[in-house]
Amino acid sequence: MNTGITTGIIVAIILVGLLIGLVVVLVRRSRSTTGTSAPGTSLLDTAPPETGLLRPRLARTRSAISGALGSMFGSGAPNDGWEALEDALILADVGPTASSEIIAAVRERSPQTGAEVSAALRDVLLAGFLSQDRMLHVEGNPAVVIVAGVNGAGKTTTIAKLAHGLTVDGTSVVLGAADTFRAAGDTQLVAWGKRIGVEVVSGDQGADPASVAFGAVDQAKAVGADVVIIDTAGRLHAHTNLMDELAKVVRVVEREAGSVGEILLVLDGSTGQNGIAQARAFTEAVGVTGVVITKLDGTAKGGVAVAVEKELGLPIKYIGVGEGMDDLIPFEPSDFVEALISP
């Protein structure tokens, strides 16, 4: 074969290969710009989650309430179902007193059909959520968010999700692992920090938590971070010494940072009414500014969200509805109530 022809064939093969490679690159780039890979959800985005996404996460709580609603007019006598509906609210951990008041308010409207009962219940439940400031306040240089709660509530995971959401929004974050009470209490937070790409300031076991919190704020200033989120020991709300220690952390951080933007209390939704006692104790100790309710996707006690605001007046700012990093979502009362009672 002629040498010139052979060379031409080789050049042609190379050009075809380059052309195919270019096409692949362009296709991939096109896909990435058209949104086929969903970006992380910003926690500073005020747009509420779609009810359709929230509804399946509250299935266990909704099934009991919607079941009671569905049977109320089966016999044509609505009075037969009021007690069952009240029981369903109590089982959902709305609370005995609150459930009784809610049923009384619904009955005052004299609904005559199942649809009218549902509509009245929706309105009454929604009215129980006060007009609250549900924004995450991250003003300051740096802004400080202190996160508290008992062991097992999902506190550390919540901190990681908060940090993830903020970084997606372009906010730089430093985490402070001030849970020095437990052996290797910082291990989980350090692992999360590596996963989401944020710096974690920690101390030795038994170190003064306030000093670790101080160090985290100091480091955030040094690197110019926008927000520092401080984890605290997962203390029992009845443990006086640990509650005093938490109050000390808040005082020290306030002096170093100038102010604390948020003191968030993480409550495990599956604990139901026990969360009310926890919230009351923490508020008395450190002045909680907002509540995060976790694990609502795995419990039938989602009604505790109604009880938290009705009994304590604390705003629910976020709810956890899954294990994913984007499953910590801003709390929107109308979407929550709709997802709770819609059939």
C-alpha atoms as a PDB file:
ATOM      1  CA  MET A   1       0.000   0.000   0.000  1.00  0.00           C
ATOM      2  CA  ASN A   2       1.220   3.486  -0.842  1.00  0.00           C
ATOM      3  CA  THR A   3       2.790   5.248   2.157  1.00  0.00           C
ATOM      4  CA  GLY A   4       0.845   8.454   1.444  1.00  0.00           C
ATOM      5  CA  ILE A   5      -2.480   6.582   1.446  1.00  0.00           C
ATOM      6  CA  THR A   6      -1.628   4.827   4.716  1.00  0.00           C
ATOM      7  CA  THR A   7      -0.761   8.123   6.350  1.00  0.00           C
ATOM      8  CA  GLY A   8      -4.012   9.644   5.132  1.00  0.00           C
ATOM      9  CA  ILE A   9      -6.032   6.793   6.609  1.00  0.00           C
ATOM     10  CA  ILE A  10      -4.313   7.196   9.986  1.00  0.00           C
ATOM     11  CA  VAL A  11      -4.965  10.953   9.982  1.00  0.00           C
ATOM     12  CA  ALA A  12      -8.617  10.349   9.102  1.00  0.00           C
ATOM     13  CA  ILE A  13      -9.022   7.880  11.968  1.00  0.00           C
ATOM     14  CA  ILE A  14      -7.477  10.366  14.385  1.00  0.00           C
ATOM     15  CA  LEU A  15      -9.790  13.160  13.180  1.00  0.00           C
ATOM     16  CA  VAL A  16     -12.864  10.937  13.535  1.00  0.00           C
ATOM     17  CA  GLY A  17     -11.809  10.036  17.082  1.00  0.00           C
ATOM     18  CA  LEU A  18     -11.355  13.683  17.995  1.00  0.00           C
ATOM     19  CA  LEU A  19     -14.741  14.528  16.496  1.00  0.00           C
ATOM     20  CA  ILE A  20     -16.473  11.785  18.518  1.00  0.00           C
ATOM     21  CA  GLY A  21     -14.749  12.992  21.707  1.00  0.00           C
ATOM     22  CA  LEU A  22     -15.890  16.557  21.048  1.00  0.00           C
ATOM     23  CA  VAL A  23     -19.501  15.439  20.549  1.00  0.00           C
ATOM     24  CA  VAL A  24     -19.456  13.503  23.853  1.00  0.00           C
ATOM     25  CA  VAL A  25     -18.109  16.549  25.724  1.00  0.00           C
ATOM     26  CA  LEU A  26     -20.771  18.831  24.215  1.00  0.00           C
ATOM     27  CA  VAL A  27     -23.585  16.412  25.092  1.00  0.00           C
ATOM     28  CA  ARG A  28     -22.413  16.112  28.689  1.00  0.00           C
ATOM     29  CA  ARG A  29     -22.100  19.865  29.020  1.00  0.00           C
ATOM     30  CA  SER A  30     -25.573  20.347  27.581  1.00  0.00           C
ATOM     31  CA  ARG A  31     -27.032  17.912  30.103  1.00  0.00           C
ATOM     32  CA  SER A  32     -25.368  19.655  33.028  1.00  0.00           C
ATOM     33  CA  THR A  33     -26.746  23.056  32.016  1.00  0.00           C
ATOM     34  CA  THR A  34     -30.292  21.851  31.457  1.00  0.00           C
ATOM     35  CA  GLY A  35     -30.726  20.639  35.019  1.00  0.00           C
ATOM     36  CA  THR A  36     -30.686  16.890  34.670  1.00  0.00           C
ATOM     37  CA  SER A  37     -28.512  16.770  37.794  1.00  0.00           C
ATOM     38  CA  ALA A  38     -30.496  18.438  40.555  1.00  0.00           C
ATOM     39  CA  PRO A  39     -28.442  20.921  42.595  1.00  0.00           C
ATOM     40  CA  GLY A  40     -28.548  21.003  46.392  1.00  0.00           C
ATOM     41  CA  THR A  41     -31.364  22.921  48.042  1.00  0.00           C
ATOM     42  CA  SER A  42     -30.507  26.271  49.593  1.00  0.00           C
ATOM     43  CA  LEU A  43     -31.792  26.670  53.148  1.00  0.00           C
ATOM     44  CA  LEU A  44     -31.923  30.414  52.605  1.00  0.00           C
ATOM     45  CA  ASP A  45     -34.379  29.994  49.737  1.00  0.00           C
ATOM     46  CA  THR A  46     -37.743  31.214  51.004  1.00  0.00           C
ATOM     47  CA  ALA A  47     -39.681  29.185  48.455  1.00  0.00           C
ATOM     48  CA  PRO A  48     -41.577  26.458  50.367  1.00  0.00           C
ATOM     49  CA  PRO A  49     -41.252  22.805  49.407  1.00  0.00           C
ATOM     50  CA  GLU A  50     -43.950  21.411  47.180  1.00  0.00           C
ATOM     51  CA  THR A  51     -46.788  19.754  49.093  1.00  0.00           C
ATOM     52  CA  GLY A  52     -46.489  16.806  46.728  1.00  0.00           C
ATOM     53  CA  LEU A  53     -42.962  16.182  47.970  1.00  0.00           C
ATOM     54  CA  LEU A  54     -43.847  16.587  51.644  1.00  0.00           C
ATOM     55  CA  ARG A  55     -47.033  14.526  51.584  1.00  0.00           C
ATOM     56  CA  PRO A  56     -45.485  11.045  51.270  1.00  0.00           C
ATOM     57  CA  ARG A  57     -43.032  11.854  54.076  1.00  0.00           C
ATOM     58  CA  LEU A  58     -45.923  12.413  56.503  1.00  0.00           C
ATOM     59  CA  ALA A  59     -47.829   9.308  55.459  1.00  0.00           C
ATOM     60  CA  ARG A  60     -47.814   7.610  58.869  1.00  0.00           C
ATOM     61  CA  THR A  61     -49.274  10.614  60.681  1.00  0.00           C
ATOM     62  CA  ARG A  62     -51.736  11.385  57.904  1.00  0.00           C
ATOM     63  CA  SER A  63     -53.101   7.843  57.646  1.00  0.00           C
ATOM     64  CA  ALA A  64     -54.571   7.905  61.150  1.00  0.00           C
ATOM     65  CA  ILE A  65     -56.117  11.359  60.753  1.00  0.00           C
ATOM     66  CA  SER A  66     -57.461  10.791  57.241  1.00  0.00           C
ATOM     67  CA  GLY A  67     -58.828   7.405  58.314  1.00  0.00           C
ATOM     68  CA  ALA A  68     -60.863   9.058  61.059  1.00  0.00           C
ATOM     69  CA  LEU A  69     -62.039  11.737  58.639  1.00  0.00           C
ATOM     70  CA  GLY A  70     -63.035   9.160  56.051  1.00  0.00           C
ATOM     71  CA  SER A  71     -65.206   7.190  58.448  1.00  0.00           C
ATOM     72  CA  MET A  72     -67.004  10.126  60.036  1.00  0.00           C
ATOM     73  CA  PHE A  73     -69.893  10.208  57.612  1.00  0.00           C
ATOM     74  CA  GLY A  74     -70.001   6.538  56.723  1.00  0.00           C
ATOM     75  CA  SER A  75     -73.149   6.048  58.784  1.00  0.00           C
ATOM     76  CA  GLY A  76     -74.599   9.410  57.858  1.00  0.00           C
ATOM     77  CA  ALA A  77     -74.228  10.607  61.456  1.00  0.00           C
ATOM     78  CA  PRO A  78     -71.228  12.920  61.873  1.00  0.00           C
ATOM     79  CA  ASN A  79     -71.485  12.890  65.674  1.00  0.00           C
ATOM     80  CA  ASP A  80     -70.374   9.259  65.670  1.00  0.00           C
ATOM     81  CA  GLY A  81     -66.951  10.243  64.406  1.00  0.00           C
ATOM     82  CA  TRP A  82     -65.917  13.224  66.506  1.00  0.00           C
ATOM     83  CA  GLU A  83     -64.459  11.130  69.290  1.00  0.00           C
ATOM     84  CA  ALA A  84     -62.495   9.021  66.818  1.00  0.00           C
ATOM     85  CA  LEU A  85     -61.116  12.150  65.166  1.00  0.00           C
ATOM     86  CA  GLU A  86     -60.063  13.575  68.520  1.00  0.00           C
ATOM     87  CA  ASP A  87     -58.396  10.263  69.392  1.00  0.00           C
ATOM     88  CA  ALA A  88     -56.540  10.361  66.078  1.00  0.00           C
ATOM     89  CA  LEU A  89     -55.195  13.833  66.867  1.00  0.00           C
ATOM     90  CA  ILE A  90     -54.098  12.709  70.325  1.00  0.00           C
ATOM     91  CA  LEU A  91     -52.356   9.648  68.879  1.00  0.00           C
ATOM     92  CA  ALA A  92     -50.592  11.983  66.441  1.00  0.00           C
ATOM     93  CA  ASP A  93     -49.295  13.785  69.561  1.00  0.00           C
ATOM     94  CA  VAL A  94     -51.120  17.037  69.028  1.00  0.00           C
ATOM     95  CA  GLY A  95     -51.778  16.738  72.768  1.00  0.00           C
ATOM     96  CA  PRO A  96     -55.005  16.052  74.743  1.00  0.00           C
ATOM     97  CA  THR A  97     -55.813  19.672  75.540  1.00  0.00           C
ATOM     98  CA  ALA A  98     -54.969  21.002  72.103  1.00  0.00           C
ATOM     99  CA  SER A  99     -56.856  18.144  70.407  1.00  0.00           C
ATOM    100  CA  SER A 100     -59.977  18.874  72.453  1.00  0.00           C
ATOM    101  CA  GLU A 101     -59.779  22.572  71.602  1.00  0.00           C
ATOM    102  CA  ILE A 102     -59.283  21.823  67.910  1.00  0.00           C
ATOM    103  CA  ILE A 103     -62.305  19.513  67.755  1.00  0.00           C
ATOM    104  CA  ALA A 104     -64.433  22.082  69.586  1.00  0.00           C
ATOM    105  CA  ALA A 105     -63.409  24.782  67.106  1.00  0.00           C
ATOM    106  CA  VAL A 106     -64.211  22.513  64.147  1.00  0.00           C
ATOM    107  CA  ARG A 107     -67.627  21.567  65.561  1.00  0.00           C
ATOM    108  CA  GLU A 108     -68.503  25.240  66.069  1.00  0.00           C
ATOM    109  CA  ARG A 109     -68.531  25.559  62.307  1.00  0.00           C
ATOM    110  CA  SER A 110     -71.292  22.929  62.061  1.00  0.00           C
ATOM    111  CA  PRO A 111     -69.841  21.011  59.101  1.00  0.00           C
ATOM    112  CA  GLN A 112     -72.364  18.744  57.399  1.00  0.00           C
ATOM    113  CA  THR A 113     -70.176  16.682  55.110  1.00  0.00           C
ATOM    114  CA  GLY A 114     -66.821  14.976  55.280  1.00  0.00           C
ATOM    115  CA  ALA A 115     -65.377  17.596  52.930  1.00  0.00           C
ATOM    116  CA  GLU A 116     -66.605  20.358  55.223  1.00  0.00           C
ATOM    117  CA  VAL A 117     -65.045  18.660  58.260  1.00  0.00           C
ATOM    118  CA  SER A 118     -61.732  18.374  56.436  1.00  0.00           C
ATOM    119  CA  ALA A 119     -61.849  22.010  55.340  1.00  0.00           C
ATOM    120  CA  ALA A 120     -62.696  23.194  58.852  1.00  0.00           C
ATOM    121  CA  LEU A 121     -59.961  21.036  60.389  1.00  0.00           C
ATOM    122  CA  ARG A 122     -57.463  22.417  57.876  1.00  0.00           C
ATOM    123  CA  ASP A 123     -58.387  26.000  58.798  1.00  0.00           C
ATOM    124  CA  VAL A 124     -58.274  25.383  62.555  1.00  0.00           C
ATOM    125  CA  LEU A 125     -54.920  23.583  62.409  1.00  0.00           C
ATOM    126  CA  LEU A 126     -53.432  26.319  60.266  1.00  0.00           C
ATOM    127  CA  ALA A 127     -54.665  28.989  62.677  1.00  0.00           C
ATOM    128  CA  GLY A 128     -52.706  27.215  65.424  1.00  0.00           C
ATOM    129  CA  PHE A 129     -49.461  28.162  63.709  1.00  0.00           C
ATOM    130  CA  LEU A 130     -48.824  31.743  64.703  1.00  0.00           C
ATOM    131  CA  SER A 131     -47.388  34.365  62.419  1.00  0.00           C
ATOM    132  CA  GLN A 132     -43.737  33.647  63.156  1.00  0.00           C
ATOM    133  CA  ASP A 133     -40.318  34.645  61.908  1.00  0.00           C
ATOM    134  CA  ARG A 134     -39.144  31.404  60.309  1.00  0.00           C
ATOM    135  CA  MET A 135     -36.028  32.730  58.581  1.00  0.00           C
ATOM    136  CA  LEU A 136     -32.586  31.498  59.575  1.00  0.00           C
ATOM    137  CA  HIS A 137     -30.789  34.596  60.825  1.00  0.00           C
ATOM    138  CA  VAL A 138     -27.174  34.545  59.730  1.00  0.00           C
ATOM    139  CA  GLU A 139     -26.263  38.204  60.008  1.00  0.00           C
ATOM    140  CA  GLY A 140     -22.999  39.098  61.699  1.00  0.00           C
ATOM    141  CA  ASN A 141     -19.277  38.849  61.120  1.00  0.00           C
ATOM    142  CA  PRO A 142     -19.352  35.952  61.563  1.00  0.00           C
ATOM    143  CA  ALA A 143     -22.963  35.006  62.225  1.00  0.00           C
ATOM    144  CA  VAL A 144     -23.342  32.400  64.963  1.00  0.00           C
ATOM    145  CA  VAL A 145     -25.819  29.536  65.158  1.00  0.00           C
ATOM    146  CA  ILE A 146     -25.771  27.395  68.322  1.00  0.00           C
ATOM    147  CA  VAL A 147     -27.531  24.037  68.084  1.00  0.00           C
ATOM    148  CA  ALA A 148     -28.797  22.203  71.164  1.00  0.00           C
ATOM    149  CA  GLY A 149     -30.815  19.082  71.917  1.00  0.00           C
ATOM    150  CA  VAL A 150     -30.764  15.750  73.685  1.00  0.00           C
ATOM    151  CA  ASN A 151     -28.782  12.730  72.539  1.00  0.00           C
ATOM    152  CA  GLY A 152     -30.346  10.882  69.631  1.00  0.00           C
ATOM    153  CA  ALA A 153     -32.479  13.759  68.350  1.00  0.00           C
ATOM    154  CA  GLY A 154     -30.441  14.055  65.156  1.00  0.00           C
ATOM    155  CA  LYS A 155     -28.595  17.191  66.237  1.00  0.00           C
ATOM    156  CA  THR A 156     -25.241  16.543  64.564  1.00  0.00           C
ATOM    157  CA  THR A 157     -26.848  15.409  61.307  1.00  0.00           C
ATOM    158  CA  THR A 158     -29.038  18.515  61.363  1.00  0.00           C
ATOM    159  CA  ILE A 159     -25.918  20.684  61.723  1.00  0.00           C
ATOM    160  CA  ALA A 160     -24.360  18.959  58.717  1.00  0.00           C
ATOM    161  CA  LYS A 161     -27.498  19.525  56.646  1.00  0.00           C
ATOM    162  CA  LEU A 162     -27.639  23.182  57.687  1.00  0.00           C
ATOM    163  CA  ALA A 163     -23.995  23.628  56.710  1.00  0.00           C
ATOM    164  CA  HIS A 164     -24.581  21.857  53.406  1.00  0.00           C
ATOM    165  CA  GLY A 165     -27.559  24.057  52.582  1.00  0.00           C
ATOM    166  CA  LEU A 166     -25.648  27.212  53.407  1.00  0.00           C
ATOM    167  CA  THR A 167     -22.625  26.237  51.321  1.00  0.00           C
ATOM    168  CA  VAL A 168     -24.899  25.465  48.373  1.00  0.00           C
ATOM    169  CA  ASP A 169     -26.102  29.055  48.716  1.00  0.00           C
ATOM    170  CA  GLY A 170     -22.496  30.289  48.571  1.00  0.00           C
ATOM    171  CA  THR A 171     -22.154  30.937  52.303  1.00  0.00           C
ATOM    172  CA  SER A 172     -18.853  29.901  53.894  1.00  0.00           C
ATOM    173  CA  VAL A 173     -19.183  27.910  57.117  1.00  0.00           C
ATOM    174  CA  VAL A 174     -17.011  26.782  60.034  1.00  0.00           C
ATOM    175  CA  LEU A 175     -18.303  24.137  62.447  1.00  0.00           C
ATOM    176  CA  GLY A 176     -17.504  24.067  66.159  1.00  0.00           C
ATOM    177  CA  ALA A 177     -17.514  20.622  67.818  1.00  0.00           C
ATOM    178  CA  ALA A 178     -18.216  21.730  71.397  1.00  0.00           C
ATOM    179  CA  ASP A 179     -19.663  18.357  72.419  1.00  0.00           C
ATOM    180  CA  THR A 180     -16.697  17.392  74.579  1.00  0.00           C
ATOM    181  CA  PHE A 181     -18.835  15.546  77.123  1.00  0.00           C
ATOM    182  CA  ARG A 182     -18.968  12.278  75.161  1.00  0.00           C
ATOM    183  CA  ALA A 183     -15.950  10.197  74.244  1.00  0.00           C
ATOM    184  CA  ALA A 184     -15.078  11.071  70.641  1.00  0.00           C
ATOM    185  CA  GLY A 185     -18.090  13.390  70.605  1.00  0.00           C
ATOM    186  CA  ASP A 186     -16.566  15.316  67.709  1.00  0.00           C
ATOM    187  CA  THR A 187     -15.941  12.277  65.491  1.00  0.00           C
ATOM    188  CA  GLN A 188     -19.268  12.355  63.667  1.00  0.00           C
ATOM    189  CA  LEU A 189     -19.138  16.103  63.080  1.00  0.00           C
ATOM    190  CA  VAL A 190     -15.564  15.913  61.766  1.00  0.00           C
ATOM    191  CA  ALA A 191     -16.637  13.172  59.349  1.00  0.00           C
ATOM    192  CA  TRP A 192     -19.540  15.308  58.133  1.00  0.00           C
ATOM    193  CA  GLY A 193     -17.216  18.289  57.759  1.00  0.00           C
ATOM    194  CA  LYS A 194     -14.938  16.340  55.443  1.00  0.00           C
ATOM    195  CA  ARG A 195     -17.900  15.101  53.437  1.00  0.00           C
ATOM    196  CA  ILE A 196     -19.375  18.550  52.813  1.00  0.00           C
ATOM    197  CA  GLY A 197     -16.053  20.373  52.646  1.00  0.00           C
ATOM    198  CA  VAL A 198     -16.179  22.660  55.679  1.00  0.00           C
ATOM    199  CA  GLU A 199     -13.646  23.220  58.442  1.00  0.00           C
ATOM    200  CA  VAL A 200     -14.356  21.779  61.900  1.00  0.00           C
ATOM    201  CA  VAL A 201     -12.800  23.172  65.082  1.00  0.00           C
ATOM    202  CA  SER A 202     -12.723  20.612  67.884  1.00  0.00           C
ATOM    203  CA  GLY A 203     -11.083  19.963  71.261  1.00  0.00           C
ATOM    204  CA  ASP A 204     -10.012  17.061  73.420  1.00  0.00           C
ATOM    205  CA  GLN A 205     -12.536  15.025  75.373  1.00  0.00           C
ATOM    206  CA  GLY A 206     -13.329  16.817  78.604  1.00  0.00           C
ATOM    207  CA  ALA A 207     -12.168  20.182  77.293  1.00  0.00           C
ATOM    208  CA  ASP A 208     -14.210  23.216  78.261  1.00  0.00           C
ATOM    209  CA  PRO A 209     -17.012  23.401  75.665  1.00  0.00           C
ATOM    210  CA  ALA A 210     -17.094  27.173  75.902  1.00  0.00           C
ATOM    211  CA  SER A 211     -13.403  27.351  74.971  1.00  0.00           C
ATOM    212  CA  VAL A 212     -14.013  25.172  71.897  1.00  0.00           C
ATOM    213  CA  ALA A 213     -16.944  27.377  70.893  1.00  0.00           C
ATOM    214  CA  PHE A 214     -14.724  30.446  71.393  1.00  0.00           C
ATOM    215  CA  GLY A 215     -12.049  28.861  69.221  1.00  0.00           C
ATOM    216  CA  ALA A 216     -14.559  28.133  66.457  1.00  0.00           C
ATOM    217  CA  VAL A 217     -15.697  31.757  66.369  1.00  0.00           C
ATOM    218  CA  ASP A 218     -12.071  32.930  66.435  1.00  0.00           C
ATOM    219  CA  GLN A 219     -11.195  30.622  63.526  1.00  0.00           C
ATOM    220  CA  ALA A 220     -14.229  31.767  61.540  1.00  0.00           C
ATOM    221  CA  LYS A 221     -12.983  35.342  61.945  1.00  0.00           C
ATOM    222  CA  ALA A 222      -9.461  34.360  60.916  1.00  0.00           C
ATOM    223  CA  VAL A 223     -10.544  32.696  57.667  1.00  0.00           C
ATOM    224  CA  GLY A 224     -13.326  35.181  56.928  1.00  0.00           C
ATOM    225  CA  ALA A 225     -16.140  32.628  57.164  1.00  0.00           C
ATOM    226  CA  ASP A 226     -19.698  33.928  57.018  1.00  0.00           C
ATOM    227  CA  VAL A 227     -21.260  31.579  59.560  1.00  0.00           C
ATOM    228  CA  VAL A 228     -20.093  29.424  62.453  1.00  0.00           C
ATOM    229  CA  ILE A 229     -22.403  26.622  63.618  1.00  0.00           C
ATOM    230  CA  ILE A 230     -21.663  25.244  67.068  1.00  0.00           C
ATOM    231  CA  ASP A 231     -22.604  21.748  68.191  1.00  0.00           C
ATOM    232  CA  THR A 232     -23.185  21.256  71.918  1.00  0.00           C
ATOM    233  CA  ALA A 233     -23.342  18.223  74.176  1.00  0.00           C
ATOM    234  CA  GLY A 234     -26.488  16.153  73.726  1.00  0.00           C
ATOM    235  CA  ARG A 235     -27.614  16.851  77.220  1.00  0.00           C
ATOM    236  CA  LEU A 236     -30.716  15.713  79.036  1.00  0.00           C
ATOM    237  CA  HIS A 237     -32.940  18.715  79.608  1.00  0.00           C
ATOM    238  CA  ALA A 238     -33.238  17.802  83.317  1.00  0.00           C
ATOM    239  CA  HIS A 239     -29.435  17.747  83.846  1.00  0.00           C
ATOM    240  CA  THR A 240     -28.850  21.053  85.656  1.00  0.00           C
ATOM    241  CA  ASN A 241     -25.051  21.137  85.389  1.00  0.00           C
ATOM    242  CA  LEU A 242     -25.065  20.507  81.663  1.00  0.00           C
ATOM    243  CA  MET A 243     -27.772  23.118  81.109  1.00  0.00           C
ATOM    244  CA  ASP A 244     -25.620  25.618  83.040  1.00  0.00           C
ATOM    245  CA  GLU A 245     -22.708  24.652  80.813  1.00  0.00           C
ATOM    246  CA  LEU A 246     -24.800  25.331  77.716  1.00  0.00           C
ATOM    247  CA  ALA A 247     -25.710  28.755  79.088  1.00  0.00           C
ATOM    248  CA  LYS A 248     -21.986  29.433  79.570  1.00  0.00           C
ATOM    249  CA  VAL A 249     -21.295  28.520  75.930  1.00  0.00           C
ATOM    250  CA  VAL A 250     -23.895  31.064  74.836  1.00  0.00           C
ATOM    251  CA  ARG A 251     -22.442  33.802  77.070  1.00  0.00           C
ATOM    252  CA  VAL A 252     -18.868  33.231  75.874  1.00  0.00           C
ATOM    253  CA  VAL A 253     -19.857  33.176  72.216  1.00  0.00           C
ATOM    254  CA  GLU A 254     -21.908  36.347  72.595  1.00  0.00           C
ATOM    255  CA  ARG A 255     -18.869  38.143  74.022  1.00  0.00           C
ATOM    256  CA  GLU A 256     -16.554  36.919  71.260  1.00  0.00           C
ATOM    257  CA  ALA A 257     -18.926  37.311  68.293  1.00  0.00           C
ATOM    258  CA  GLY A 258     -20.954  40.254  69.555  1.00  0.00           C
ATOM    259  CA  SER A 259     -24.234  38.388  69.218  1.00  0.00           C
ATOM    260  CA  VAL A 260     -25.758  34.972  68.598  1.00  0.00           C
ATOM    261  CA  GLY A 261     -28.074  34.930  65.603  1.00  0.00           C
ATOM    262  CA  GLU A 262     -29.860  31.677  66.378  1.00  0.00           C
ATOM    263  CA  ILE A 263     -30.143  29.144  69.172  1.00  0.00           C
ATOM    264  CA  LEU A 264     -31.842  26.200  67.505  1.00  0.00           C
ATOM    265  CA  LEU A 265     -33.324  23.305  69.444  1.00  0.00           C
ATOM    266  CA  VAL A 266     -33.456  19.979  67.638  1.00  0.00           C
ATOM    267  CA  LEU A 267     -36.385  17.765  68.659  1.00  0.00           C
ATOM    268  CA  ASP A 268     -36.908  14.164  67.609  1.00  0.00           C
ATOM    269  CA  GLY A 269     -40.416  14.061  66.127  1.00  0.00           C
ATOM    270  CA  SER A 270     -40.869  10.466  67.222  1.00  0.00           C
ATOM    271  CA  THR A 271     -40.683  11.454  70.907  1.00  0.00           C
ATOM    272  CA  GLY A 272     -43.923  13.375  70.613  1.00  0.00           C
ATOM    273  CA  GLN A 273     -45.052  15.208  73.721  1.00  0.00           C
ATOM    274  CA  ASN A 274     -41.732  14.597  75.479  1.00  0.00           C
ATOM    275  CA  GLY A 275     -40.347  17.190  73.100  1.00  0.00           C
ATOM    276  CA  ILE A 276     -42.543  19.853  74.699  1.00  0.00           C
ATOM    277  CA  ALA A 277     -40.880  19.404  78.096  1.00  0.00           C
ATOM    278  CA  GLN A 278     -37.462  19.492  76.429  1.00  0.00           C
ATOM    279  CA  ALA A 279     -38.261  22.680  74.545  1.00  0.00           C
ATOM    280  CA  ARG A 280     -39.557  24.393  77.677  1.00  0.00           C
ATOM    281  CA  ALA A 281     -36.422  23.551  79.689  1.00  0.00           C
ATOM    282  CA  PHE A 282     -33.999  24.621  76.972  1.00  0.00           C
ATOM    283  CA  THR A 283     -35.880  27.880  76.408  1.00  0.00           C
ATOM    284  CA  GLU A 284     -35.702  28.721  80.094  1.00  0.00           C
ATOM    285  CA  ALA A 285     -31.956  27.980  80.125  1.00  0.00           C
ATOM    286  CA  VAL A 286     -30.726  29.693  76.970  1.00  0.00           C
ATOM    287  CA  GLY A 287     -33.595  31.390  75.140  1.00  0.00           C
ATOM    288  CA  VAL A 288     -34.220  29.138  72.158  1.00  0.00           C
ATOM    289  CA  THR A 289     -35.026  31.129  69.020  1.00  0.00           C
ATOM    290  CA  GLY A 290     -36.334  28.334  66.831  1.00  0.00           C
ATOM    291  CA  VAL A 291     -37.049  24.626  66.600  1.00  0.00           C
ATOM    292  CA  VAL A 292     -36.005  21.938  64.142  1.00  0.00           C
ATOM    293  CA  ILE A 293     -38.161  18.799  64.234  1.00  0.00           C
ATOM    294  CA  THR A 294     -36.424  15.725  62.826  1.00  0.00           C
ATOM    295  CA  LYS A 295     -37.469  12.219  61.753  1.00  0.00           C
ATOM    296  CA  LEU A 296     -41.006  13.204  60.767  1.00  0.00           C
ATOM    297  CA  ASP A 297     -40.873  10.771  57.862  1.00  0.00           C
ATOM    298  CA  GLY A 298     -40.640   7.763  60.186  1.00  0.00           C
ATOM    299  CA  THR A 299     -43.213   8.588  62.842  1.00  0.00           C
ATOM    300  CA  ALA A 300     -46.981   8.766  63.316  1.00  0.00           C
ATOM    301  CA  LYS A 301     -46.483  11.597  65.845  1.00  0.00           C
ATOM    302  CA  GLY A 302     -46.090  14.486  63.422  1.00  0.00           C
ATOM    303  CA  GLY A 303     -48.830  16.371  65.234  1.00  0.00           C
ATOM    304  CA  VAL A 304     -46.200  17.430  67.773  1.00  0.00           C
ATOM    305  CA  ALA A 305     -45.419  20.305  65.403  1.00  0.00           C
ATOM    306  CA  VAL A 306     -48.867  21.729  66.185  1.00  0.00           C
ATOM    307  CA  ALA A 307     -48.261  21.331  69.914  1.00  0.00           C
ATOM    308  CA  VAL A 308     -44.811  22.984  69.862  1.00  0.00           C
ATOM    309  CA  GLU A 309     -46.090  26.267  68.520  1.00  0.00           C
ATOM    310  CA  LYS A 310     -49.441  26.198  70.294  1.00  0.00           C
ATOM    311  CA  GLU A 311     -48.012  25.528  73.757  1.00  0.00           C
ATOM    312  CA  LEU A 312     -44.628  27.259  73.560  1.00  0.00           C
ATOM    313  CA  GLY A 313     -44.935  29.955  70.934  1.00  0.00           C
ATOM    314  CA  LEU A 314     -41.595  28.927  69.425  1.00  0.00           C
ATOM    315  CA  PRO A 315     -41.276  29.055  65.630  1.00  0.00           C
ATOM    316  CA  ILE A 316     -40.533  25.811  63.831  1.00  0.00           C
ATOM    317  CA  LYS A 317     -37.898  26.784  61.284  1.00  0.00           C
ATOM    318  CA  TYR A 318     -37.041  23.453  59.668  1.00  0.00           C
ATOM    319  CA  ILE A 319     -38.284  19.904  59.568  1.00  0.00           C
ATOM    320  CA  GLY A 320     -36.330  16.770  58.769  1.00  0.00           C
ATOM    321  CA  VAL A 321     -38.173  14.408  56.445  1.00  0.00           C
ATOM    322  CA  GLY A 322     -35.504  11.956  55.328  1.00  0.00           C
ATOM    323  CA  GLU A 323     -31.874  10.885  55.391  1.00  0.00           C
ATOM    324  CA  GLY A 324     -30.703  12.853  52.359  1.00  0.00           C
ATOM    325  CA  MET A 325     -28.680  16.048  52.642  1.00  0.00           C
ATOM    326  CA  ASP A 326     -31.543  17.987  51.059  1.00  0.00           C
ATOM    327  CA  ASP A 327     -34.190  16.490  53.365  1.00  0.00           C
ATOM    328  CA  LEU A 328     -33.989  19.310  55.898  1.00  0.00           C
ATOM    329  CA  ILE A 329     -36.569  21.739  54.550  1.00  0.00           C
ATOM    330  CA  PRO A 330     -37.954  25.126  55.602  1.00  0.00           C
ATOM    331  CA  PHE A 331     -41.185  24.731  57.548  1.00  0.00           C
ATOM    332  CA  GLU A 332     -44.239  26.159  55.817  1.00  0.00           C
ATOM    333  CA  PRO A 333     -47.448  25.726  57.895  1.00  0.00           C
ATOM    334  CA  SER A 334     -49.921  25.637  54.999  1.00  0.00           C
ATOM    335  CA  ASP A 335     -47.979  22.926  53.138  1.00  0.00           C
ATOM    336  CA  PHE A 336     -47.493  20.968  56.363  1.00  0.00           C
ATOM    337  CA  VAL A 337     -51.196  21.009  57.267  1.00  0.00           C
ATOM    338  CA  GLU A 338     -52.216  20.113  53.724  1.00  0.00           C
ATOM    339  CA  ALA A 339     -49.812  17.172  53.695  1.00  0.00           C
ATOM    340  CA  LEU A 340     -51.045  16.121  57.143  1.00  0.00           C
ATOM    341  CA  ILE A 341     -54.757  15.782  56.387  1.00  0.00           C
ATOM    342  CA  SER A 342     -55.179  15.502  52.622  1.00  0.00           C
ATOM    343  CA  PRO A 343     -56.521  12.057  51.607  1.00  0.00           C
END
